[in-house]
Amino acid sequence: MPYELFIALRYLRAKRRQAAVSVITGIAIAGIAIGVAALIVAQAVITGFYADVQDKILQGTAHLNLLREDNSGIENYRELVERVRGVPGVKSASATIYAQVLLSVGDRQEYAVLKGVDFDSPGETNEIFSTVIEGDPKLLNPAPERPPSTQPPDQDQTEQELEGIILGRQLARALALHVNDVAPAISADSRLTPAGLQPRPRYTRFRVIGVFSSGLYEYDAKWAYIPLAAAQGVSGSGDTAGVIQMKVTDIYKVGEIGERVRAAAGEGFVTNNWQELNRPLFAALELQHRVVIVFFALLVVIAALNIITTLTMTVIEKHRDIAILRAQGSTPQSIRRIFMWQGFVIGLIGAALGLLLGLGLSWLANRYQLISIPAEIYSVSHVTLKVRLIDCAGVALLAMVICLLATIYPARMASKLTPVEALRYE
């Protein structure tokens, strides 16, 4: 053991002539421990929430979408689906189309986006098979095609002819609909008349066969699923698709896979992926992450200021020892290292205690679900803290660096102390 470290440890263990030095040392260690623990817990909360939001987005939406540049319908969507399935990195693909309708039940009306489900594609492509919480999504399989009616719903369809619909949980609550209830939908089309283009309402009734929950309030409050053929009829687009949606093997290489998909599809097509569609959300989470790190790092900095006070008072208390060491041949660099070692050990003890405290608090929070969030928005009642080894190592390293920086001033002050001046009044 270097003698500088040996002396530093003796100074930490020795009884103080001034009790205030011991108290301030304890406060410094406690402050660093609390700051490190707070930073670890904050990192775990943000990481867990980020992962939870990402999982829900990927569960409720496609990884990659292919559509025309002018947003027109894709007529050869069956051939195109088979083509993109062969692109390296694409796990599955299916066609879909979106239709905007007004669901009207009694005096309750809600705007909704109907998404067509293609049952000719593998089930893993359509997220509805993994998000349904009531009913059976297989019952959504389309009935024989019928053109949408221009007459009010009670004059057209019988109960046996109704197509199935799966509503988002919040949408079903807003309309007070349950499985086997009837959901009338009104969509708008236009026709050319002598007076110009005039809107023509389309009336369609659906039978609720299930309820889904993606975990994201925006989807659960506005989305519903119907068969692809029914969605084509509601939108009036004919036998076309609006989007080719895909699941990929590596969600973090979705940009590269998108380039290969565009090359396979040919000119006139564009892609968008889950990262692009949710960039504002993830940018906000990343900004929040940085702000939290800076805030709690400042707590460690404030705690490290006590190290400056501790070492300064130690230098004043041990000036006679410093003078004797200098008289025996210790260099200024050795004296500086003694107090830097002392500050380093204080920081090490505080960081170690902080790691244990942070890990313990994270375990307790997960074990007893201490961090709760509004379940009606996030579909979960609590946040699961995710503690990563790299985060713990980074927090501990940050605390040690701050503590070492705090030792610079008192260590330099000790190294400049001359033996004659220190022993003059002894």
Protein backbone atom coordinates (compact mmCIF):
# COMPACT_ATOMS: atom_id res chain seq x y z
CA MET A 1 0.00 0.00 0.00
CA PRO A 2 1.38 3.47 -0.86
CA TYR A 3 2.14 5.37 2.29
CA GLU A 4 -0.02 8.26 1.07
CA LEU A 5 -3.07 5.96 1.04
CA PHE A 6 -2.07 4.52 4.45
CA ILE A 7 -1.93 8.00 5.99
CA ALA A 8 -5.20 9.02 4.32
CA LEU A 9 -6.96 6.00 5.81
CA ARG A 10 -5.48 6.77 9.24
CA TYR A 11 -6.79 10.31 9.02
CA LEU A 12 -10.29 8.99 8.22
CA ARG A 13 -10.27 6.53 11.13
CA ALA A 14 -8.50 8.68 13.71
CA LYS A 15 -10.41 10.49 16.44
CA ARG A 16 -10.79 14.17 15.73
CA ARG A 17 -9.83 16.97 18.02
CA GLN A 18 -12.61 18.87 16.33
CA ALA A 19 -15.84 16.86 16.24
CA ALA A 20 -17.17 19.06 13.45
CA VAL A 21 -14.73 17.45 11.00
CA SER A 22 -16.19 13.99 11.67
CA VAL A 23 -19.73 15.34 11.36
CA ILE A 24 -19.00 17.06 8.05
CA THR A 25 -17.29 13.90 6.75
CA GLY A 26 -20.40 11.88 7.60
CA ILE A 27 -22.60 14.48 5.93
CA ALA A 28 -20.43 14.34 2.80
CA ILE A 29 -20.69 10.55 2.61
CA ALA A 30 -24.45 10.64 3.22
CA GLY A 31 -24.96 13.39 0.64
CA ILE A 32 -23.04 11.50 -2.02
CA ALA A 33 -24.92 8.28 -1.20
CA ILE A 34 -28.31 9.99 -1.48
CA GLY A 35 -27.34 11.72 -4.73
CA VAL A 36 -26.08 8.48 -6.29
CA ALA A 37 -29.17 6.56 -5.14
CA ALA A 38 -31.50 9.25 -6.48
CA LEU A 39 -29.72 9.27 -9.83
CA ILE A 40 -29.88 5.46 -10.12
CA VAL A 41 -33.60 5.40 -9.29
CA ALA A 42 -34.31 8.23 -11.75
CA GLN A 43 -32.36 6.43 -14.48
CA ALA A 44 -34.28 3.22 -13.75
CA VAL A 45 -37.65 4.99 -13.87
CA ILE A 46 -36.92 6.67 -17.20
CA THR A 47 -35.40 3.53 -18.73
CA GLY A 48 -38.37 1.44 -17.59
CA PHE A 49 -40.92 3.96 -18.84
CA TYR A 50 -39.07 4.36 -22.16
CA ALA A 51 -38.97 0.59 -22.67
CA ASP A 52 -42.63 0.25 -21.73
CA VAL A 53 -43.74 2.97 -24.17
CA GLN A 54 -41.59 1.48 -26.94
CA ASP A 55 -43.01 -2.00 -26.35
CA LYS A 56 -46.57 -0.68 -26.48
CA ILE A 57 -45.89 1.26 -29.69
CA LEU A 58 -44.33 -1.78 -31.36
CA GLN A 59 -47.15 -3.97 -30.10
CA GLY A 60 -49.86 -1.67 -31.42
CA THR A 61 -48.37 -0.57 -34.76
CA ALA A 62 -46.28 -1.89 -37.63
CA HIS A 63 -42.50 -1.58 -37.68
CA LEU A 64 -42.41 -0.38 -41.29
CA ASN A 65 -45.05 0.97 -43.70
CA LEU A 66 -44.96 1.15 -47.49
CA LEU A 67 -47.32 3.55 -49.30
CA ARG A 68 -47.53 5.56 -52.48
CA GLU A 69 -45.99 9.02 -52.63
CA ASP A 70 -49.33 10.60 -53.61
CA ASN A 71 -51.27 8.58 -51.00
CA SER A 72 -53.35 6.95 -53.70
CA GLY A 73 -54.56 3.38 -53.41
CA ILE A 74 -52.29 0.42 -54.14
CA GLU A 75 -54.11 -1.69 -56.73
CA ASN A 76 -51.60 -4.54 -57.01
CA TYR A 77 -51.26 -4.88 -53.26
CA ARG A 78 -51.41 -8.69 -53.26
CA GLU A 79 -48.46 -8.97 -55.63
CA LEU A 80 -46.61 -6.23 -53.74
CA VAL A 81 -47.11 -7.99 -50.40
CA GLU A 82 -45.54 -11.16 -51.78
CA ARG A 83 -42.65 -9.14 -53.19
CA VAL A 84 -41.75 -7.33 -49.98
CA ARG A 85 -42.01 -10.53 -47.95
CA GLY A 86 -38.91 -11.70 -49.78
CA VAL A 87 -36.85 -8.64 -48.82
CA PRO A 88 -34.06 -9.53 -46.34
CA GLY A 89 -35.00 -8.32 -42.88
CA VAL A 90 -38.77 -8.37 -43.44
CA LYS A 91 -40.41 -10.93 -41.18
CA SER A 92 -44.00 -10.56 -42.37
CA ALA A 93 -46.16 -8.20 -44.40
CA SER A 94 -49.85 -7.53 -44.97
CA ALA A 95 -52.09 -4.99 -46.66
CA THR A 96 -54.38 -2.60 -44.84
CA ILE A 97 -56.46 0.50 -45.39
CA TYR A 98 -57.77 3.19 -43.07
CA ALA A 99 -61.26 4.68 -43.13
CA GLN A 100 -62.53 7.57 -41.06
CA VAL A 101 -66.07 7.25 -39.72
CA LEU A 102 -68.40 8.62 -37.10
CA LEU A 103 -69.70 5.98 -34.70
CA SER A 104 -73.12 6.96 -33.42
CA VAL A 105 -74.85 5.08 -30.60
CA GLY A 106 -77.92 6.81 -29.26
CA ASP A 107 -76.90 10.28 -28.20
CA ARG A 108 -73.19 9.36 -28.11
CA GLN A 109 -70.96 10.03 -31.07
CA GLU A 110 -67.25 9.42 -31.44
CA TYR A 111 -64.85 9.93 -34.32
CA ALA A 112 -62.98 6.71 -35.14
CA VAL A 113 -60.36 5.37 -37.54
CA LEU A 114 -61.24 1.93 -38.91
CA LYS A 115 -58.28 -0.24 -39.87
CA GLY A 116 -58.75 -3.13 -42.27
CA VAL A 117 -57.36 -6.53 -41.26
CA ASP A 118 -56.11 -8.81 -44.04
CA PHE A 119 -56.76 -12.41 -43.01
CA ASP A 120 -54.81 -13.71 -46.00
CA SER A 121 -51.61 -12.64 -44.23
CA PRO A 122 -49.92 -14.29 -41.22
CA GLY A 123 -51.43 -13.42 -37.87
CA GLU A 124 -48.21 -11.94 -36.44
CA THR A 125 -48.38 -9.11 -39.00
CA ASN A 126 -51.69 -7.84 -37.61
CA GLU A 127 -51.26 -6.48 -34.10
CA ILE A 128 -54.91 -7.09 -33.30
CA PHE A 129 -54.14 -10.74 -32.53
CA SER A 130 -51.87 -9.74 -29.64
CA THR A 131 -53.86 -6.81 -28.19
CA VAL A 132 -57.41 -8.18 -27.90
CA ILE A 133 -58.55 -8.38 -24.27
CA GLU A 134 -62.20 -9.33 -24.92
CA GLY A 135 -63.64 -11.53 -27.63
CA ASP A 136 -61.95 -13.56 -30.37
CA PRO A 137 -60.22 -11.73 -33.24
CA LYS A 138 -60.73 -14.75 -35.51
CA LEU A 139 -64.44 -13.92 -35.58
CA LEU A 140 -63.47 -10.81 -37.54
CA ASN A 141 -62.93 -12.99 -40.61
CA PRO A 142 -65.03 -11.33 -43.31
CA ALA A 143 -68.51 -12.36 -44.36
CA PRO A 144 -69.50 -12.31 -48.07
CA GLU A 145 -68.91 -8.91 -49.62
CA ARG A 146 -71.82 -6.48 -49.76
CA PRO A 147 -71.71 -2.92 -51.06
CA PRO A 148 -72.19 -0.26 -48.38
CA SER A 149 -75.67 1.16 -48.22
CA THR A 150 -76.81 4.72 -48.79
CA GLN A 151 -79.91 4.08 -46.63
CA PRO A 152 -80.09 4.46 -42.84
CA PRO A 153 -78.82 1.32 -41.08
CA ASP A 154 -82.17 0.18 -39.71
CA GLN A 155 -83.54 -0.22 -43.25
CA ASP A 156 -80.79 -2.36 -44.67
CA GLN A 157 -78.76 -4.91 -42.73
CA THR A 158 -80.09 -7.72 -40.58
CA GLU A 159 -78.31 -8.89 -37.45
CA GLN A 160 -76.95 -11.98 -39.25
CA GLU A 161 -75.34 -9.89 -42.01
CA LEU A 162 -73.40 -7.51 -39.79
CA GLU A 163 -69.64 -7.36 -40.19
CA GLY A 164 -67.55 -7.64 -37.05
CA ILE A 165 -65.66 -4.79 -35.42
CA ILE A 166 -63.10 -4.73 -32.60
CA LEU A 167 -63.07 -1.44 -30.69
CA GLY A 168 -60.36 0.18 -28.62
CA ARG A 169 -61.02 -0.04 -24.91
CA GLN A 170 -61.44 3.71 -24.40
CA LEU A 171 -63.59 4.01 -27.53
CA ALA A 172 -65.86 1.21 -26.32
CA ARG A 173 -66.20 2.92 -22.93
CA ALA A 174 -67.03 6.27 -24.52
CA LEU A 175 -69.82 4.68 -26.59
CA ALA A 176 -70.92 2.30 -23.81
CA LEU A 177 -70.58 -0.64 -26.19
CA HIS A 178 -69.96 -4.25 -25.23
CA VAL A 179 -69.39 -7.50 -27.08
CA ASN A 180 -72.39 -8.40 -29.32
CA ASP A 181 -73.69 -4.80 -29.33
CA VAL A 182 -74.34 -3.05 -32.65
CA ALA A 183 -72.18 -0.07 -33.64
CA PRO A 184 -73.61 2.10 -36.46
CA ALA A 185 -70.97 3.91 -38.54
CA ILE A 186 -71.41 6.89 -40.85
CA SER A 187 -68.78 7.67 -43.47
CA ALA A 188 -68.77 10.37 -46.13
CA ASP A 189 -68.40 10.07 -49.88
CA SER A 190 -68.97 12.58 -52.66
CA ARG A 191 -70.83 12.45 -55.98
CA LEU A 192 -71.02 14.76 -58.96
CA THR A 193 -74.36 16.53 -59.35
CA PRO A 194 -75.51 19.48 -61.45
CA ALA A 195 -74.77 21.60 -58.39
CA GLY A 196 -71.22 20.23 -58.17
CA LEU A 197 -69.70 17.72 -55.77
CA GLN A 198 -72.14 16.85 -53.01
CA PRO A 199 -71.44 14.74 -49.93
CA ARG A 200 -73.17 11.38 -49.79
CA PRO A 201 -73.30 9.60 -46.43
CA ARG A 202 -72.63 5.88 -46.21
CA TYR A 203 -74.34 3.93 -43.45
CA THR A 204 -72.87 0.68 -42.16
CA ARG A 205 -73.62 -1.29 -39.03
CA PHE A 206 -71.08 -3.48 -37.28
CA ARG A 207 -71.39 -6.06 -34.56
CA VAL A 208 -68.90 -5.65 -31.73
CA ILE A 209 -67.00 -8.93 -31.45
CA GLY A 210 -64.15 -7.79 -29.22
CA VAL A 211 -62.22 -5.03 -27.44
CA PHE A 212 -58.48 -4.40 -27.72
CA SER A 213 -56.01 -2.53 -25.55
CA SER A 214 -52.71 -1.45 -27.06
CA GLY A 215 -51.64 0.41 -23.93
CA LEU A 216 -51.53 3.77 -25.73
CA TYR A 217 -54.45 6.07 -25.04
CA GLU A 218 -54.46 7.66 -28.52
CA TYR A 219 -54.99 4.29 -30.20
CA ASP A 220 -57.41 2.86 -27.66
CA ALA A 221 -59.61 5.97 -27.85
CA LYS A 222 -59.79 6.34 -31.64
CA TRP A 223 -59.01 3.06 -33.40
CA ALA A 224 -61.14 0.08 -34.38
CA TYR A 225 -60.50 -2.98 -36.56
CA ILE A 226 -62.74 -4.41 -39.27
CA PRO A 227 -62.14 -6.86 -42.15
CA LEU A 228 -60.09 -5.48 -45.05
CA ALA A 229 -62.95 -5.91 -47.52
CA ALA A 230 -65.31 -4.04 -45.20
CA ALA A 231 -62.78 -1.20 -44.82
CA GLN A 232 -62.49 -0.97 -48.61
CA GLY A 233 -66.27 -0.68 -48.84
CA VAL A 234 -66.50 1.96 -46.13
CA SER A 235 -63.76 4.08 -47.70
CA GLY A 236 -65.15 3.58 -51.21
CA SER A 237 -61.69 2.76 -52.55
CA GLY A 238 -62.58 -0.51 -54.25
CA ASP A 239 -60.16 -3.42 -54.26
CA THR A 240 -57.12 -1.41 -53.21
CA ALA A 241 -54.93 -1.05 -50.15
CA GLY A 242 -53.64 2.11 -48.58
CA VAL A 243 -50.59 0.76 -46.81
CA ILE A 244 -48.41 -2.35 -46.81
CA GLN A 245 -47.42 -2.86 -43.18
CA MET A 246 -44.44 -4.99 -42.15
CA LYS A 247 -42.77 -6.52 -39.14
CA VAL A 248 -38.97 -6.67 -39.30
CA THR A 249 -36.37 -8.89 -37.69
CA ASP A 250 -34.34 -6.02 -36.20
CA ILE A 251 -36.34 -2.96 -35.13
CA TYR A 252 -33.18 -0.83 -34.84
CA LYS A 253 -32.19 -1.46 -38.48
CA VAL A 254 -35.59 -0.51 -39.81
CA GLY A 255 -34.09 2.36 -41.83
CA GLU A 256 -31.81 0.05 -43.81
CA ILE A 257 -34.63 -2.45 -44.34
CA GLY A 258 -36.85 0.39 -45.55
CA GLU A 259 -34.35 1.23 -48.29
CA ARG A 260 -34.39 -2.37 -49.50
CA VAL A 261 -38.20 -2.40 -49.43
CA ARG A 262 -38.38 0.77 -51.55
CA ALA A 263 -35.97 -0.73 -54.05
CA ALA A 264 -38.11 -3.87 -54.30
CA ALA A 265 -41.36 -1.90 -54.63
CA GLY A 266 -40.09 0.36 -57.42
CA GLU A 267 -40.68 4.02 -58.15
CA GLY A 268 -43.58 5.94 -56.68
CA PHE A 269 -43.40 4.41 -53.22
CA VAL A 270 -42.16 5.77 -49.88
CA THR A 271 -41.72 4.20 -46.47
CA ASN A 272 -42.08 5.37 -42.90
CA ASN A 273 -41.10 3.45 -39.80
CA TRP A 274 -41.92 3.40 -36.11
CA GLN A 275 -38.96 5.63 -35.24
CA GLU A 276 -40.00 8.36 -37.70
CA LEU A 277 -43.66 8.27 -36.72
CA ASN A 278 -42.86 8.55 -33.01
CA ARG A 279 -39.80 10.81 -33.19
CA PRO A 280 -41.42 13.70 -31.21
CA LEU A 281 -42.37 11.34 -28.38
CA PHE A 282 -38.93 9.74 -28.10
CA ALA A 283 -37.23 13.14 -28.45
CA ALA A 284 -39.28 14.41 -25.51
CA LEU A 285 -38.34 11.35 -23.45
CA GLU A 286 -34.68 11.80 -24.31
CA LEU A 287 -34.78 15.47 -23.32
CA GLN A 288 -36.45 14.50 -20.05
CA HIS A 289 -33.73 11.92 -19.49
CA ARG A 290 -30.98 14.52 -19.90
CA VAL A 291 -32.69 17.03 -17.62
CA VAL A 292 -33.06 14.42 -14.89
CA ILE A 293 -29.40 13.42 -15.16
CA VAL A 294 -28.25 17.03 -14.89
CA PHE A 295 -30.57 17.74 -11.96
CA PHE A 296 -29.49 14.77 -9.87
CA ALA A 297 -25.83 15.20 -10.86
CA LEU A 298 -26.08 18.65 -9.28
CA LEU A 299 -27.13 16.94 -6.05
CA VAL A 300 -23.89 14.95 -6.14
CA VAL A 301 -21.95 18.15 -6.82
CA ILE A 302 -23.56 19.87 -3.83
CA ALA A 303 -22.74 16.86 -1.67
CA ALA A 304 -19.15 16.91 -2.94
CA LEU A 305 -18.76 20.48 -1.69
CA ASN A 306 -18.72 19.00 1.80
CA ILE A 307 -15.56 17.16 0.81
CA ILE A 308 -13.87 20.49 0.22
CA THR A 309 -14.91 21.61 3.70
CA THR A 310 -13.82 18.32 5.26
CA LEU A 311 -10.38 18.29 3.66
CA THR A 312 -9.80 21.99 4.34
CA MET A 313 -10.53 21.49 8.03
CA THR A 314 -8.35 18.37 8.02
CA VAL A 315 -5.45 20.36 6.55
CA ILE A 316 -5.84 22.97 9.29
CA GLU A 317 -6.05 20.29 11.97
CA LYS A 318 -3.11 18.25 10.61
CA HIS A 319 -0.75 21.10 9.72
CA ARG A 320 1.77 19.83 12.30
CA ASP A 321 1.71 16.31 10.77
CA ILE A 322 2.14 17.82 7.30
CA ALA A 323 5.14 19.83 8.49
CA ILE A 324 6.78 16.74 9.99
CA LEU A 325 6.20 14.76 6.79
CA ARG A 326 7.71 17.55 4.73
CA ALA A 327 10.70 17.77 7.13
CA GLN A 328 11.24 14.01 6.71
CA GLY A 329 11.41 14.32 2.95
CA SER A 330 7.86 14.04 1.63
CA THR A 331 7.39 15.97 -1.59
CA PRO A 332 4.51 18.39 -2.24
CA GLN A 333 3.15 15.82 -4.70
CA SER A 334 3.01 13.18 -1.94
CA ILE A 335 1.21 15.56 0.44
CA ARG A 336 -1.25 16.36 -2.36
CA ARG A 337 -1.88 12.66 -2.96
CA ILE A 338 -2.63 12.06 0.75
CA PHE A 339 -5.61 14.40 0.68
CA MET A 340 -6.71 13.35 -2.78
CA TRP A 341 -6.75 9.76 -1.52
CA GLN A 342 -8.80 10.87 1.46
CA GLY A 343 -11.38 12.58 -0.75
CA PHE A 344 -11.39 9.59 -3.12
CA VAL A 345 -12.12 7.17 -0.28
CA ILE A 346 -14.94 9.40 0.99
CA GLY A 347 -16.42 9.42 -2.51
CA LEU A 348 -15.93 5.67 -2.89
CA ILE A 349 -17.76 4.93 0.36
CA GLY A 350 -20.58 7.31 -0.57
CA ALA A 351 -20.90 5.87 -4.10
CA ALA A 352 -20.94 2.28 -2.78
CA LEU A 353 -23.62 3.10 -0.22
CA GLY A 354 -25.56 4.98 -2.89
CA LEU A 355 -25.45 1.99 -5.24
CA LEU A 356 -26.78 -0.31 -2.53
CA LEU A 357 -29.47 2.20 -1.57
CA GLY A 358 -30.50 2.81 -5.19
CA LEU A 359 -30.71 -0.90 -5.98
CA GLY A 360 -32.69 -1.52 -2.79
CA LEU A 361 -35.16 1.28 -3.53
CA SER A 362 -35.60 0.04 -7.11
CA TRP A 363 -36.33 -3.47 -5.87
CA LEU A 364 -38.82 -2.19 -3.33
CA ALA A 365 -40.53 0.00 -5.95
CA ASN A 366 -40.95 -3.00 -8.26
CA ARG A 367 -41.87 -5.40 -5.48
CA TYR A 368 -44.62 -3.20 -4.02
CA GLN A 369 -45.47 -1.17 -7.16
CA LEU A 370 -44.67 2.13 -5.44
CA ILE A 371 -44.51 4.29 -8.59
CA SER A 372 -48.06 4.42 -9.93
CA ILE A 373 -49.34 6.16 -13.06
CA PRO A 374 -52.88 6.75 -14.42
CA ALA A 375 -54.00 3.33 -15.61
CA GLU A 376 -56.69 4.81 -17.85
CA ILE A 377 -54.00 6.43 -19.98
CA TYR A 378 -51.12 3.96 -19.93
CA SER A 379 -53.08 0.74 -19.29
CA VAL A 380 -50.64 -0.16 -16.52
CA SER A 381 -50.96 0.85 -12.91
CA HIS A 382 -47.24 1.27 -12.20
CA VAL A 383 -43.86 1.80 -13.82
CA THR A 384 -41.41 -1.09 -13.74
CA LEU A 385 -37.94 0.22 -12.90
CA LYS A 386 -35.19 -1.17 -15.14
CA VAL A 387 -31.74 -0.95 -13.57
CA ARG A 388 -28.94 -1.43 -16.10
CA LEU A 389 -25.36 -2.27 -15.19
CA ILE A 390 -24.01 0.42 -17.51
CA ASP A 391 -26.16 3.06 -15.78
CA CYS A 392 -24.91 2.02 -12.33
CA ALA A 393 -21.30 2.09 -13.51
CA GLY A 394 -21.79 5.48 -15.13
CA VAL A 395 -23.39 7.00 -12.03
CA ALA A 396 -20.64 5.64 -9.77
CA LEU A 397 -17.93 6.91 -12.13
CA LEU A 398 -19.57 10.35 -12.30
CA ALA A 399 -19.69 10.54 -8.50
CA MET A 400 -16.01 9.55 -8.21
CA VAL A 401 -14.92 12.15 -10.78
CA ILE A 402 -16.86 14.88 -8.96
CA CYS A 403 -15.31 13.84 -5.65
CA LEU A 404 -11.80 13.87 -7.11
CA LEU A 405 -12.37 17.35 -8.53
CA ALA A 406 -13.49 18.49 -5.08
CA THR A 407 -10.11 17.45 -3.61
CA ILE A 408 -8.02 19.69 -5.86
CA TYR A 409 -8.18 22.90 -3.83
CA PRO A 410 -7.55 21.51 -0.30
CA ALA A 411 -4.84 19.14 -1.64
CA ARG A 412 -2.99 22.02 -3.29
CA MET A 413 -3.33 24.08 -0.10
CA ALA A 414 -1.77 21.23 1.91
CA SER A 415 1.09 20.76 -0.57
CA LYS A 416 2.05 24.44 -0.34
CA LEU A 417 2.39 24.34 3.46
CA THR A 418 6.05 24.83 4.48
CA PRO A 419 7.49 23.10 7.58
CA VAL A 420 8.88 26.32 9.09
CA GLU A 421 5.55 28.13 8.91
CA ALA A 422 3.63 25.11 10.20
CA LEU A 423 5.91 24.58 13.26
CA ARG A 424 6.56 28.22 14.13
CA TYR A 425 3.99 28.38 16.90
CA GLU A 426 4.30 24.77 18.12
